[in-house]
Amino acid sequence: MMQRRSWIAGAALTMAALAFMPACKRAAEVNPIVPSIEINRAKAPLGSAIEVTYTWTLEPGAKKLAQDYRVLVHFLDSHKVVLFTDDHLPPTPTTAWEAGKTISYKRTVFIPVYPYVGDVTVAMGLYPAQGKGERVMLKGEDIGLRAFKVAKMEFQPQTENIFLVYKEGWHNPESSQGVERTWTKKDALVSFKNPKKDVVVYLEADTCVKCFTEAPVLSVSVSNKAGVTVPIENADVFLKKIHVKAEDLGTEEWADLRFSMNQSFIPKNLTPPQNDERELGLMVSHLFVGEADKLGKLPEGSVIEAAPIAAVPPVKGAKPTPTKTATPVAKATPAAKKKP
């Protein structure tokens, strides 16, 4: 459910395809900035997560960039049609880049579910953050309109993933800016077939912090044996990667994954009230469970170890905390992370 993304409109796909057709030849001075990428596995199923390291090597003759640029990252099918993007602002603004330096950083990328498997080309580039001006002519293999080929990988069928069964506590998915997201109630339950080996749970989520009467806290547990507690300090989207040992999954054929908030809220009870009577807890953008030995190397320090727990609150029968005196907010649903 959280692994799907909305299809890019046909017109947009057509434009994307045209964008990677060979551009008219013209003289362009190369700024010797070399983009490169490292992906932690060469093959990955649709709907799974990959760990990506982006690197920009500024050679001694690299010219100073006079404005802030966004990073272009396009994942293209065998016909050079854009499947999805990971465009973003680099952690170090491009105006601060200096010749002779190397800029490197990591990002987790979730692969959407499309009816496409096979070879994928990854292209990178730089375009003006404010939309004024041209893309930078970088040093590398230009595959059209100053998008530079940096890697190839293979997308595998979604069936290679651990299949998740969404049970109690989930509302219908909502689409925002092309990303499918889903609210839970105070408590929610997902089950998956037990692989009898270590797994890593990827959870990307957020909530309306101002809608709660006290600081929201999320508890995540697996098979009533191990889990973590996640205080939610602000409305930003957060990503947690939780390592669960095989022995904590138990011996049953199916394992349960539970999400429990210390409170929930009802938008209709907020001040001012909103036209929504649902009980809401956590807004989930991505949920992925992968076998640890198939995920490749994960960034050091990015994974939380699930610890033993004594008991887990039940899913059924949970009641929302009254929120009539909650801090006034304009919207119950915080904005999703922006994707170009």
C-alpha atoms as a PDB file:
ATOM      1  CA  MET A   1       0.000   0.000   0.000  1.00  0.00           C
ATOM      2  CA  MET A   2       2.667   2.576   1.000  1.00  0.00           C
ATOM      3  CA  GLN A   3       4.980   1.278  -1.691  1.00  0.00           C
ATOM      4  CA  ARG A   4       2.896   2.571  -4.599  1.00  0.00           C
ATOM      5  CA  ARG A   5       3.267   5.969  -6.180  1.00  0.00           C
ATOM      6  CA  SER A   6       0.929   7.722  -8.571  1.00  0.00           C
ATOM      7  CA  TRP A   7       1.624   7.272 -12.272  1.00  0.00           C
ATOM      8  CA  ILE A   8       3.248  10.211 -14.004  1.00  0.00           C
ATOM      9  CA  ALA A   9       0.752  11.575 -16.511  1.00  0.00           C
ATOM     10  CA  GLY A  10       1.224  10.508 -20.109  1.00  0.00           C
ATOM     11  CA  ALA A  11       2.022  14.030 -21.185  1.00  0.00           C
ATOM     12  CA  ALA A  12       4.702  14.338 -18.550  1.00  0.00           C
ATOM     13  CA  LEU A  13       6.269  11.071 -19.642  1.00  0.00           C
ATOM     14  CA  THR A  14       6.292  12.267 -23.218  1.00  0.00           C
ATOM     15  CA  MET A  15       8.015  15.495 -22.192  1.00  0.00           C
ATOM     16  CA  ALA A  16      10.504  13.546 -20.098  1.00  0.00           C
ATOM     17  CA  ALA A  17      11.316  11.307 -23.044  1.00  0.00           C
ATOM     18  CA  LEU A  18      11.830  14.330 -25.288  1.00  0.00           C
ATOM     19  CA  ALA A  19      14.041  15.911 -22.668  1.00  0.00           C
ATOM     20  CA  PHE A  20      16.569  13.120 -23.088  1.00  0.00           C
ATOM     21  CA  MET A  21      16.635  13.193 -26.878  1.00  0.00           C
ATOM     22  CA  PRO A  22      19.941  14.511 -28.246  1.00  0.00           C
ATOM     23  CA  ALA A  23      19.992  18.284 -27.999  1.00  0.00           C
ATOM     24  CA  CYS A  24      21.077  20.586 -30.805  1.00  0.00           C
ATOM     25  CA  LYS A  25      24.832  20.728 -30.865  1.00  0.00           C
ATOM     26  CA  ARG A  26      26.301  23.971 -29.694  1.00  0.00           C
ATOM     27  CA  ALA A  27      29.505  25.104 -28.121  1.00  0.00           C
ATOM     28  CA  ALA A  28      29.352  24.871 -24.347  1.00  0.00           C
ATOM     29  CA  GLU A  29      32.181  25.317 -21.914  1.00  0.00           C
ATOM     30  CA  VAL A  30      32.536  22.414 -19.542  1.00  0.00           C
ATOM     31  CA  ASN A  31      32.767  23.235 -15.856  1.00  0.00           C
ATOM     32  CA  PRO A  32      35.001  20.402 -14.583  1.00  0.00           C
ATOM     33  CA  ILE A  33      32.649  19.165 -11.885  1.00  0.00           C
ATOM     34  CA  VAL A  34      32.275  15.378 -12.069  1.00  0.00           C
ATOM     35  CA  PRO A  35      29.032  13.800 -10.768  1.00  0.00           C
ATOM     36  CA  SER A  36      29.075  10.198  -9.579  1.00  0.00           C
ATOM     37  CA  ILE A  37      26.860   7.863  -7.627  1.00  0.00           C
ATOM     38  CA  GLU A  38      27.223   4.703  -5.564  1.00  0.00           C
ATOM     39  CA  ILE A  39      24.191   2.466  -4.956  1.00  0.00           C
ATOM     40  CA  ASN A  40      24.446  -0.178  -2.268  1.00  0.00           C
ATOM     41  CA  ARG A  41      23.105  -2.940  -4.503  1.00  0.00           C
ATOM     42  CA  ALA A  42      23.110  -3.474  -8.266  1.00  0.00           C
ATOM     43  CA  LYS A  43      19.691  -5.152  -8.294  1.00  0.00           C
ATOM     44  CA  ALA A  44      16.626  -4.115  -6.289  1.00  0.00           C
ATOM     45  CA  PRO A  45      12.917  -5.034  -6.441  1.00  0.00           C
ATOM     46  CA  LEU A  46      10.215  -2.510  -7.174  1.00  0.00           C
ATOM     47  CA  GLY A  47       8.825  -1.075  -3.951  1.00  0.00           C
ATOM     48  CA  SER A  48      12.060  -1.558  -2.019  1.00  0.00           C
ATOM     49  CA  ALA A  49      14.654   0.877  -0.666  1.00  0.00           C
ATOM     50  CA  ILE A  50      18.199   1.563  -1.807  1.00  0.00           C
ATOM     51  CA  GLU A  51      20.993   3.526  -0.153  1.00  0.00           C
ATOM     52  CA  VAL A  52      22.589   6.061  -2.476  1.00  0.00           C
ATOM     53  CA  THR A  53      25.822   8.011  -2.089  1.00  0.00           C
ATOM     54  CA  TYR A  54      26.029  11.131  -4.269  1.00  0.00           C
ATOM     55  CA  THR A  55      29.474  12.572  -4.971  1.00  0.00           C
ATOM     56  CA  TRP A  56      30.566  15.754  -6.743  1.00  0.00           C
ATOM     57  CA  THR A  57      34.271  16.018  -7.511  1.00  0.00           C
ATOM     58  CA  LEU A  58      35.333  19.586  -8.255  1.00  0.00           C
ATOM     59  CA  GLU A  59      38.567  19.497 -10.214  1.00  0.00           C
ATOM     60  CA  PRO A  60      41.161  22.253  -9.610  1.00  0.00           C
ATOM     61  CA  GLY A  61      39.857  24.236 -12.587  1.00  0.00           C
ATOM     62  CA  ALA A  62      36.202  24.148 -11.528  1.00  0.00           C
ATOM     63  CA  LYS A  63      34.501  27.534 -11.691  1.00  0.00           C
ATOM     64  CA  LYS A  64      32.559  28.968  -8.783  1.00  0.00           C
ATOM     65  CA  LEU A  65      28.800  28.446  -9.091  1.00  0.00           C
ATOM     66  CA  ALA A  66      27.149  31.849  -8.773  1.00  0.00           C
ATOM     67  CA  GLN A  67      23.735  30.568  -7.676  1.00  0.00           C
ATOM     68  CA  ASP A  68      22.181  27.661  -5.805  1.00  0.00           C
ATOM     69  CA  TYR A  69      21.379  24.652  -7.952  1.00  0.00           C
ATOM     70  CA  ARG A  70      19.175  21.640  -7.333  1.00  0.00           C
ATOM     71  CA  VAL A  71      20.524  18.177  -8.010  1.00  0.00           C
ATOM     72  CA  LEU A  72      18.834  16.384 -10.889  1.00  0.00           C
ATOM     73  CA  VAL A  73      18.584  12.603 -10.390  1.00  0.00           C
ATOM     74  CA  HIS A  74      16.561  10.669 -12.960  1.00  0.00           C
ATOM     75  CA  PHE A  75      16.025   6.907 -13.074  1.00  0.00           C
ATOM     76  CA  LEU A  76      15.378   6.003 -16.734  1.00  0.00           C
ATOM     77  CA  ASP A  77      14.054   2.869 -18.384  1.00  0.00           C
ATOM     78  CA  SER A  78      15.680   1.207 -21.411  1.00  0.00           C
ATOM     79  CA  HIS A  79      14.040   3.814 -23.701  1.00  0.00           C
ATOM     80  CA  LYS A  80      15.374   6.748 -21.641  1.00  0.00           C
ATOM     81  CA  VAL A  81      11.906   7.539 -20.285  1.00  0.00           C
ATOM     82  CA  VAL A  82      11.903   8.856 -16.724  1.00  0.00           C
ATOM     83  CA  LEU A  83      10.518   6.316 -14.264  1.00  0.00           C
ATOM     84  CA  PHE A  84      10.984   8.507 -11.184  1.00  0.00           C
ATOM     85  CA  THR A  85      13.315  11.138  -9.760  1.00  0.00           C
ATOM     86  CA  ASP A  86      15.239  11.914  -6.606  1.00  0.00           C
ATOM     87  CA  ASP A  87      15.827  15.610  -7.329  1.00  0.00           C
ATOM     88  CA  HIS A  88      16.925  17.462  -4.199  1.00  0.00           C
ATOM     89  CA  LEU A  89      18.910  20.329  -2.733  1.00  0.00           C
ATOM     90  CA  PRO A  90      22.398  19.181  -1.702  1.00  0.00           C
ATOM     91  CA  PRO A  91      23.204  19.505   2.020  1.00  0.00           C
ATOM     92  CA  THR A  92      26.031  21.928   1.140  1.00  0.00           C
ATOM     93  CA  PRO A  93      24.649  24.704  -1.107  1.00  0.00           C
ATOM     94  CA  THR A  94      26.340  24.783  -4.514  1.00  0.00           C
ATOM     95  CA  THR A  95      27.411  28.414  -3.926  1.00  0.00           C
ATOM     96  CA  ALA A  96      29.675  27.065  -1.159  1.00  0.00           C
ATOM     97  CA  TRP A  97      31.375  24.460  -3.384  1.00  0.00           C
ATOM     98  CA  GLU A  98      35.074  25.105  -3.969  1.00  0.00           C
ATOM     99  CA  ALA A  99      37.496  23.958  -6.660  1.00  0.00           C
ATOM    100  CA  GLY A 100      39.638  21.012  -5.583  1.00  0.00           C
ATOM    101  CA  LYS A 101      37.028  19.805  -3.075  1.00  0.00           C
ATOM    102  CA  THR A 102      34.737  16.748  -3.054  1.00  0.00           C
ATOM    103  CA  ILE A 103      31.131  16.932  -1.892  1.00  0.00           C
ATOM    104  CA  SER A 104      29.640  13.587  -0.809  1.00  0.00           C
ATOM    105  CA  TYR A 105      26.441  12.668   1.029  1.00  0.00           C
ATOM    106  CA  LYS A 106      23.960   9.809   1.399  1.00  0.00           C
ATOM    107  CA  ARG A 107      20.220   9.499   0.805  1.00  0.00           C
ATOM    108  CA  THR A 108      17.707   6.649   1.103  1.00  0.00           C
ATOM    109  CA  VAL A 109      15.644   6.256  -2.064  1.00  0.00           C
ATOM    110  CA  PHE A 110      12.389   4.274  -2.254  1.00  0.00           C
ATOM    111  CA  ILE A 111      11.738   2.675  -5.633  1.00  0.00           C
ATOM    112  CA  PRO A 112       8.112   3.170  -6.725  1.00  0.00           C
ATOM    113  CA  VAL A 113       6.065   0.280  -8.078  1.00  0.00           C
ATOM    114  CA  TYR A 114       5.777   0.506 -11.876  1.00  0.00           C
ATOM    115  CA  PRO A 115       4.973  -2.163 -14.492  1.00  0.00           C
ATOM    116  CA  TYR A 116       8.619  -2.185 -15.531  1.00  0.00           C
ATOM    117  CA  VAL A 117      11.503  -4.489 -14.713  1.00  0.00           C
ATOM    118  CA  GLY A 118      14.913  -4.555 -16.317  1.00  0.00           C
ATOM    119  CA  ASP A 119      17.883  -2.271 -16.884  1.00  0.00           C
ATOM    120  CA  VAL A 120      17.789   1.245 -15.475  1.00  0.00           C
ATOM    121  CA  THR A 121      20.097   4.165 -16.229  1.00  0.00           C
ATOM    122  CA  VAL A 122      20.726   6.800 -13.572  1.00  0.00           C
ATOM    123  CA  ALA A 123      21.452  10.361 -14.727  1.00  0.00           C
ATOM    124  CA  MET A 124      22.584  13.358 -12.674  1.00  0.00           C
ATOM    125  CA  GLY A 125      22.842  17.070 -13.300  1.00  0.00           C
ATOM    126  CA  LEU A 126      22.456  20.544 -11.806  1.00  0.00           C
ATOM    127  CA  TYR A 127      19.642  22.982 -12.574  1.00  0.00           C
ATOM    128  CA  PRO A 128      18.845  26.422 -11.091  1.00  0.00           C
ATOM    129  CA  ALA A 129      16.978  26.178  -7.797  1.00  0.00           C
ATOM    130  CA  GLN A 130      14.888  29.244  -8.685  1.00  0.00           C
ATOM    131  CA  GLY A 131      14.151  28.087 -12.216  1.00  0.00           C
ATOM    132  CA  LYS A 132      16.178  30.841 -13.903  1.00  0.00           C
ATOM    133  CA  GLY A 133      19.105  29.972 -16.134  1.00  0.00           C
ATOM    134  CA  GLU A 134      20.497  26.820 -17.707  1.00  0.00           C
ATOM    135  CA  ARG A 135      21.681  23.499 -16.398  1.00  0.00           C
ATOM    136  CA  VAL A 136      25.396  23.346 -15.673  1.00  0.00           C
ATOM    137  CA  MET A 137      27.588  21.745 -18.348  1.00  0.00           C
ATOM    138  CA  LEU A 138      29.358  19.182 -16.187  1.00  0.00           C
ATOM    139  CA  LYS A 139      32.200  16.802 -16.999  1.00  0.00           C
ATOM    140  CA  GLY A 140      30.897  13.373 -18.000  1.00  0.00           C
ATOM    141  CA  GLU A 141      28.720  11.488 -20.478  1.00  0.00           C
ATOM    142  CA  ASP A 142      25.909  13.854 -21.488  1.00  0.00           C
ATOM    143  CA  ILE A 143      22.879  11.789 -22.535  1.00  0.00           C
ATOM    144  CA  GLY A 144      20.840  14.846 -23.484  1.00  0.00           C
ATOM    145  CA  LEU A 145      20.139  18.344 -22.191  1.00  0.00           C
ATOM    146  CA  ARG A 146      23.010  18.248 -19.720  1.00  0.00           C
ATOM    147  CA  ALA A 147      21.903  15.150 -17.839  1.00  0.00           C
ATOM    148  CA  PHE A 148      24.930  12.935 -17.236  1.00  0.00           C
ATOM    149  CA  LYS A 149      24.965   9.164 -17.042  1.00  0.00           C
ATOM    150  CA  VAL A 150      26.417   8.021 -13.732  1.00  0.00           C
ATOM    151  CA  ALA A 151      25.268   4.425 -13.188  1.00  0.00           C
ATOM    152  CA  LYS A 152      23.221   1.466 -14.298  1.00  0.00           C
ATOM    153  CA  MET A 153      21.223  -0.944 -12.168  1.00  0.00           C
ATOM    154  CA  GLU A 154      18.429  -3.475 -12.537  1.00  0.00           C
ATOM    155  CA  PHE A 155      14.884  -3.329 -11.224  1.00  0.00           C
ATOM    156  CA  GLN A 156      13.432  -6.701 -10.212  1.00  0.00           C
ATOM    157  CA  PRO A 157       9.775  -7.735  -9.779  1.00  0.00           C
ATOM    158  CA  GLN A 158       8.029  -6.595  -6.598  1.00  0.00           C
ATOM    159  CA  THR A 159       7.437 -10.262  -5.743  1.00  0.00           C
ATOM    160  CA  GLU A 160      11.097 -10.428  -4.644  1.00  0.00           C
ATOM    161  CA  ASN A 161      10.112  -8.368  -1.581  1.00  0.00           C
ATOM    162  CA  ILE A 162       8.583  -9.539   1.688  1.00  0.00           C
ATOM    163  CA  PHE A 163       4.829  -9.143   1.169  1.00  0.00           C
ATOM    164  CA  LEU A 164       3.009  -6.985   3.715  1.00  0.00           C
ATOM    165  CA  VAL A 165      -0.611  -7.559   4.767  1.00  0.00           C
ATOM    166  CA  TYR A 166      -2.270  -4.453   6.197  1.00  0.00           C
ATOM    167  CA  LYS A 167      -4.748  -5.377   8.910  1.00  0.00           C
ATOM    168  CA  GLU A 168      -6.405  -3.259  11.620  1.00  0.00           C
ATOM    169  CA  GLY A 169      -5.860   0.426  12.135  1.00  0.00           C
ATOM    170  CA  TRP A 170      -5.256   1.752   8.599  1.00  0.00           C
ATOM    171  CA  HIS A 171      -7.243   4.393   6.708  1.00  0.00           C
ATOM    172  CA  ASN A 172      -7.462   4.541   2.918  1.00  0.00           C
ATOM    173  CA  PRO A 173      -4.334   5.831   1.131  1.00  0.00           C
ATOM    174  CA  GLU A 174      -4.151   9.480   0.127  1.00  0.00           C
ATOM    175  CA  SER A 175      -2.118  10.982  -2.715  1.00  0.00           C
ATOM    176  CA  SER A 176      -0.160  14.206  -2.240  1.00  0.00           C
ATOM    177  CA  GLN A 177       2.324  15.599  -4.785  1.00  0.00           C
ATOM    178  CA  GLY A 178       2.509  12.223  -6.487  1.00  0.00           C
ATOM    179  CA  VAL A 179       3.299  10.377  -3.251  1.00  0.00           C
ATOM    180  CA  GLU A 180       0.876   7.902  -1.704  1.00  0.00           C
ATOM    181  CA  ARG A 181       0.601   8.269   2.072  1.00  0.00           C
ATOM    182  CA  THR A 182      -1.663   6.614   4.642  1.00  0.00           C
ATOM    183  CA  TRP A 183      -2.915   7.613   8.095  1.00  0.00           C
ATOM    184  CA  THR A 184      -3.031   5.058  10.871  1.00  0.00           C
ATOM    185  CA  LYS A 185      -5.331   5.154  13.862  1.00  0.00           C
ATOM    186  CA  LYS A 186      -3.794   5.229  17.331  1.00  0.00           C
ATOM    187  CA  ASP A 187      -2.741   1.604  16.820  1.00  0.00           C
ATOM    188  CA  ALA A 188      -2.131  -0.242  13.553  1.00  0.00           C
ATOM    189  CA  LEU A 189      -1.112  -3.750  12.594  1.00  0.00           C
ATOM    190  CA  VAL A 190       0.759  -5.207   9.604  1.00  0.00           C
ATOM    191  CA  SER A 191       1.679  -8.869   9.134  1.00  0.00           C
ATOM    192  CA  PHE A 192       4.336 -10.421   6.918  1.00  0.00           C
ATOM    193  CA  LYS A 193       5.515 -13.925   6.158  1.00  0.00           C
ATOM    194  CA  ASN A 194       8.314 -14.770   8.558  1.00  0.00           C
ATOM    195  CA  PRO A 195      11.586 -15.218   6.615  1.00  0.00           C
ATOM    196  CA  LYS A 196      13.177 -16.803   9.722  1.00  0.00           C
ATOM    197  CA  LYS A 197      16.155 -14.474   9.302  1.00  0.00           C
ATOM    198  CA  ASP A 198      17.112 -10.940  10.330  1.00  0.00           C
ATOM    199  CA  VAL A 199      15.084  -8.132   8.770  1.00  0.00           C
ATOM    200  CA  VAL A 200      15.258  -4.347   8.571  1.00  0.00           C
ATOM    201  CA  VAL A 201      12.032  -2.329   8.851  1.00  0.00           C
ATOM    202  CA  TYR A 202      12.096   0.953   6.927  1.00  0.00           C
ATOM    203  CA  LEU A 203       9.506   3.447   8.191  1.00  0.00           C
ATOM    204  CA  GLU A 204       9.158   6.927   6.683  1.00  0.00           C
ATOM    205  CA  ALA A 205       6.400   8.908   8.374  1.00  0.00           C
ATOM    206  CA  ASP A 206       5.277  12.091  10.126  1.00  0.00           C
ATOM    207  CA  THR A 207       2.305  13.385  12.072  1.00  0.00           C
ATOM    208  CA  CYS A 208       0.536  16.606  13.004  1.00  0.00           C
ATOM    209  CA  VAL A 209       2.487  17.328  16.169  1.00  0.00           C
ATOM    210  CA  LYS A 210       0.394  20.423  17.021  1.00  0.00           C
ATOM    211  CA  CYS A 211      -2.758  18.325  16.939  1.00  0.00           C
ATOM    212  CA  PHE A 212      -1.733  16.445  20.099  1.00  0.00           C
ATOM    213  CA  THR A 213      -2.201  17.638  23.676  1.00  0.00           C
ATOM    214  CA  GLU A 214       1.232  16.280  24.617  1.00  0.00           C
ATOM    215  CA  ALA A 215       4.368  15.297  22.719  1.00  0.00           C
ATOM    216  CA  PRO A 216       3.569  12.320  20.460  1.00  0.00           C
ATOM    217  CA  VAL A 217       5.555   9.109  20.923  1.00  0.00           C
ATOM    218  CA  LEU A 218       5.513   6.130  18.557  1.00  0.00           C
ATOM    219  CA  SER A 219       6.184   2.547  19.628  1.00  0.00           C
ATOM    220  CA  VAL A 220       7.125  -0.013  16.960  1.00  0.00           C
ATOM    221  CA  SER A 221       7.192  -3.697  17.860  1.00  0.00           C
ATOM    222  CA  VAL A 222       7.603  -6.998  16.054  1.00  0.00           C
ATOM    223  CA  SER A 223       5.972 -10.267  17.152  1.00  0.00           C
ATOM    224  CA  ASN A 224       5.467  -8.863  20.675  1.00  0.00           C
ATOM    225  CA  LYS A 225       9.156  -9.587  21.322  1.00  0.00           C
ATOM    226  CA  ALA A 226      11.268  -6.635  20.216  1.00  0.00           C
ATOM    227  CA  GLY A 227      10.765  -3.017  19.331  1.00  0.00           C
ATOM    228  CA  VAL A 228      11.776   0.637  19.596  1.00  0.00           C
ATOM    229  CA  THR A 229      10.284   3.862  20.941  1.00  0.00           C
ATOM    230  CA  VAL A 230      10.391   6.962  18.722  1.00  0.00           C
ATOM    231  CA  PRO A 231       9.638  10.409  20.215  1.00  0.00           C
ATOM    232  CA  ILE A 232       8.264  12.686  17.473  1.00  0.00           C
ATOM    233  CA  GLU A 233       9.606  16.176  18.100  1.00  0.00           C
ATOM    234  CA  ASN A 234       8.325  18.093  15.076  1.00  0.00           C
ATOM    235  CA  ALA A 235       6.172  17.802  11.949  1.00  0.00           C
ATOM    236  CA  ASP A 236       9.075  16.917   9.635  1.00  0.00           C
ATOM    237  CA  VAL A 237       9.046  13.623   7.778  1.00  0.00           C
ATOM    238  CA  PHE A 238      11.378  11.164   9.549  1.00  0.00           C
ATOM    239  CA  LEU A 239      12.960   7.901   8.456  1.00  0.00           C
ATOM    240  CA  LYS A 240      13.723   5.039  10.836  1.00  0.00           C
ATOM    241  CA  LYS A 241      15.489   1.790   9.963  1.00  0.00           C
ATOM    242  CA  ILE A 242      14.954  -0.876  12.583  1.00  0.00           C
ATOM    243  CA  HIS A 243      17.004  -4.084  12.659  1.00  0.00           C
ATOM    244  CA  VAL A 244      15.130  -7.085  14.057  1.00  0.00           C
ATOM    245  CA  LYS A 245      16.940 -10.349  14.777  1.00  0.00           C
ATOM    246  CA  ALA A 246      15.588 -13.658  13.482  1.00  0.00           C
ATOM    247  CA  GLU A 247      14.981 -14.976  17.003  1.00  0.00           C
ATOM    248  CA  ASP A 248      12.772 -11.983  17.769  1.00  0.00           C
ATOM    249  CA  LEU A 249      10.520 -12.777  14.811  1.00  0.00           C
ATOM    250  CA  GLY A 250       9.496 -15.999  16.506  1.00  0.00           C
ATOM    251  CA  THR A 251       8.842 -19.362  14.916  1.00  0.00           C
ATOM    252  CA  GLU A 252       5.344 -18.781  13.549  1.00  0.00           C
ATOM    253  CA  GLU A 253       4.731 -18.617   9.788  1.00  0.00           C
ATOM    254  CA  TRP A 254       3.644 -14.971  10.030  1.00  0.00           C
ATOM    255  CA  ALA A 255       5.131 -12.126  12.067  1.00  0.00           C
ATOM    256  CA  ASP A 256       3.188  -9.085  13.312  1.00  0.00           C
ATOM    257  CA  LEU A 257       4.466  -5.521  13.018  1.00  0.00           C
ATOM    258  CA  ARG A 258       2.640  -3.093  15.320  1.00  0.00           C
ATOM    259  CA  PHE A 259       2.607   0.693  15.448  1.00  0.00           C
ATOM    260  CA  SER A 260       1.234   2.348  18.592  1.00  0.00           C
ATOM    261  CA  MET A 261       1.001   6.080  19.267  1.00  0.00           C
ATOM    262  CA  ASN A 262       0.698   7.328  22.839  1.00  0.00           C
ATOM    263  CA  GLN A 263      -2.287   9.415  21.646  1.00  0.00           C
ATOM    264  CA  SER A 264      -4.434  10.032  18.596  1.00  0.00           C
ATOM    265  CA  PHE A 265      -6.549  12.987  17.489  1.00  0.00           C
ATOM    266  CA  ILE A 266      -9.766  13.686  15.593  1.00  0.00           C
ATOM    267  CA  PRO A 267      -9.609  16.697  13.231  1.00  0.00           C
ATOM    268  CA  LYS A 268     -13.256  17.540  13.935  1.00  0.00           C
ATOM    269  CA  ASN A 269     -12.331  18.134  17.605  1.00  0.00           C
ATOM    270  CA  LEU A 270      -9.543  20.583  16.835  1.00  0.00           C
ATOM    271  CA  THR A 271      -9.791  24.355  17.198  1.00  0.00           C
ATOM    272  CA  PRO A 272     -10.885  25.370  14.635  1.00  0.00           C
ATOM    273  CA  PRO A 273     -12.702  22.108  13.830  1.00  0.00           C
ATOM    274  CA  GLN A 274     -12.144  20.378  10.503  1.00  0.00           C
ATOM    275  CA  ASN A 275     -14.488  18.273   8.424  1.00  0.00           C
ATOM    276  CA  ASP A 276     -12.849  14.966   9.300  1.00  0.00           C
ATOM    277  CA  GLU A 277     -14.149  12.577  11.957  1.00  0.00           C
ATOM    278  CA  ARG A 278     -11.392   9.986  11.581  1.00  0.00           C
ATOM    279  CA  GLU A 279      -9.136   8.940  14.431  1.00  0.00           C
ATOM    280  CA  LEU A 280      -5.595   9.759  13.285  1.00  0.00           C
ATOM    281  CA  GLY A 281      -2.214   8.766  14.672  1.00  0.00           C
ATOM    282  CA  LEU A 282       0.696   8.455  12.238  1.00  0.00           C
ATOM    283  CA  MET A 283       0.982   9.447   8.555  1.00  0.00           C
ATOM    284  CA  VAL A 284       3.048   6.760   6.798  1.00  0.00           C
ATOM    285  CA  SER A 285       4.784   7.615   3.530  1.00  0.00           C
ATOM    286  CA  HIS A 286       6.781   4.411   3.091  1.00  0.00           C
ATOM    287  CA  LEU A 287       6.836   1.078   4.876  1.00  0.00           C
ATOM    288  CA  PHE A 288       9.229  -1.603   3.691  1.00  0.00           C
ATOM    289  CA  VAL A 289      10.514  -4.778   5.345  1.00  0.00           C
ATOM    290  CA  GLY A 290      13.585  -6.356   3.794  1.00  0.00           C
ATOM    291  CA  GLU A 291      15.750  -9.368   4.563  1.00  0.00           C
ATOM    292  CA  ALA A 292      18.902  -7.886   6.084  1.00  0.00           C
ATOM    293  CA  ASP A 293      21.306 -10.006   4.048  1.00  0.00           C
ATOM    294  CA  LYS A 294      19.761  -8.808   0.766  1.00  0.00           C
ATOM    295  CA  LEU A 295      19.814  -5.068   1.431  1.00  0.00           C
ATOM    296  CA  GLY A 296      23.480  -4.406   0.800  1.00  0.00           C
ATOM    297  CA  LYS A 297      25.572  -2.220   3.060  1.00  0.00           C
ATOM    298  CA  LEU A 298      23.563   0.317   5.046  1.00  0.00           C
ATOM    299  CA  PRO A 299      25.055   3.663   6.127  1.00  0.00           C
ATOM    300  CA  GLU A 300      26.927   3.399   9.403  1.00  0.00           C
ATOM    301  CA  GLY A 301      24.880   4.592  12.348  1.00  0.00           C
ATOM    302  CA  SER A 302      21.620   4.700  10.378  1.00  0.00           C
ATOM    303  CA  VAL A 303      20.053   1.533  11.835  1.00  0.00           C
ATOM    304  CA  ILE A 304      18.376   1.148  15.235  1.00  0.00           C
ATOM    305  CA  GLU A 305      18.545  -2.224  17.000  1.00  0.00           C
ATOM    306  CA  ALA A 306      15.168  -3.493  18.221  1.00  0.00           C
ATOM    307  CA  ALA A 307      15.298  -4.234  21.937  1.00  0.00           C
ATOM    308  CA  PRO A 308      13.276  -6.821  23.898  1.00  0.00           C
ATOM    309  CA  ILE A 309       9.914  -5.623  25.164  1.00  0.00           C
ATOM    310  CA  ALA A 310       7.647  -6.919  27.912  1.00  0.00           C
ATOM    311  CA  ALA A 311       4.255  -6.155  26.400  1.00  0.00           C
ATOM    312  CA  VAL A 312       2.606  -4.366  23.504  1.00  0.00           C
ATOM    313  CA  PRO A 313      -0.679  -2.381  23.673  1.00  0.00           C
ATOM    314  CA  PRO A 314      -3.550  -4.110  21.868  1.00  0.00           C
ATOM    315  CA  VAL A 315      -4.664  -2.848  18.469  1.00  0.00           C
ATOM    316  CA  LYS A 316      -8.379  -3.220  18.990  1.00  0.00           C
ATOM    317  CA  GLY A 317     -10.397  -1.098  21.372  1.00  0.00           C
ATOM    318  CA  ALA A 318      -8.019   1.860  21.501  1.00  0.00           C
ATOM    319  CA  LYS A 319      -9.739   5.188  22.113  1.00  0.00           C
ATOM    320  CA  PRO A 320      -8.521   8.573  20.885  1.00  0.00           C
ATOM    321  CA  THR A 321      -7.395  11.202  23.345  1.00  0.00           C
ATOM    322  CA  PRO A 322      -9.820  14.193  23.433  1.00  0.00           C
ATOM    323  CA  THR A 323      -8.316  17.124  21.534  1.00  0.00           C
ATOM    324  CA  LYS A 324     -10.847  19.943  21.943  1.00  0.00           C
ATOM    325  CA  THR A 325      -8.240  22.109  23.646  1.00  0.00           C
ATOM    326  CA  ALA A 326      -5.430  21.290  21.237  1.00  0.00           C
ATOM    327  CA  THR A 327      -3.326  24.079  19.785  1.00  0.00           C
ATOM    328  CA  PRO A 328      -5.101  25.586  16.745  1.00  0.00           C
ATOM    329  CA  VAL A 329      -3.684  24.485  13.403  1.00  0.00           C
ATOM    330  CA  ALA A 330      -4.560  25.280   9.824  1.00  0.00           C
ATOM    331  CA  LYS A 331      -4.443  21.709   8.593  1.00  0.00           C
ATOM    332  CA  ALA A 332      -4.475  18.325  10.255  1.00  0.00           C
ATOM    333  CA  THR A 333      -2.220  16.810   7.645  1.00  0.00           C
ATOM    334  CA  PRO A 334       1.316  18.249   7.408  1.00  0.00           C
ATOM    335  CA  ALA A 335       2.831  18.743   3.980  1.00  0.00           C
ATOM    336  CA  ALA A 336       4.704  15.869   2.428  1.00  0.00           C
ATOM    337  CA  LYS A 337       8.320  16.181   1.414  1.00  0.00           C
ATOM    338  CA  LYS A 338       8.460  18.029  -1.849  1.00  0.00           C
ATOM    339  CA  LYS A 339       9.413  16.109  -4.930  1.00  0.00           C
ATOM    340  CA  PRO A 340       9.977  17.892  -8.212  1.00  0.00           C
END
